[in-house]
Amino acid sequence: MVRSSISLSDKLFLYVGYIPKYTAKQDEKIIRMPYYEQIGGSCVSTSALMFLKFAGKDIELYDILRDLKANDSDFGLDEDHISYPLKDYLSKETGFTALLYTNF
């Protein structure tokens, strides 16, 4: 794997903007989201799977791991995969523009 000379902080950006305070009309909200347990270090890929299944996509965890070239030893995604490749992958699969947000 060839590493770019751009650091992780150069690849990520943070959107700061005003969001009006949201007050729910009810105390509880139920979101019918599919749930899948992660295997190894696949937390990001498994979260993407749940989102894509919720969006109606016929996709399996293997497809995401393969397409994003996840680490074979623990199925994890390193910082190079979590940033732009995952964002671009979600955009491709959903047809919507995915925004990259970091909070670290």
Foldseek 3Di string as FASTA:
>chain_A
DDDDPDDLVNQADADDDDDPDDDDPDPDDDDPWDDDDDFFQCPVLRVLVRVLVSLVDPDDSVVSLVQLVADPVGSHDDSVSVGPVVQVVSCVSNVHRGDGHDDD
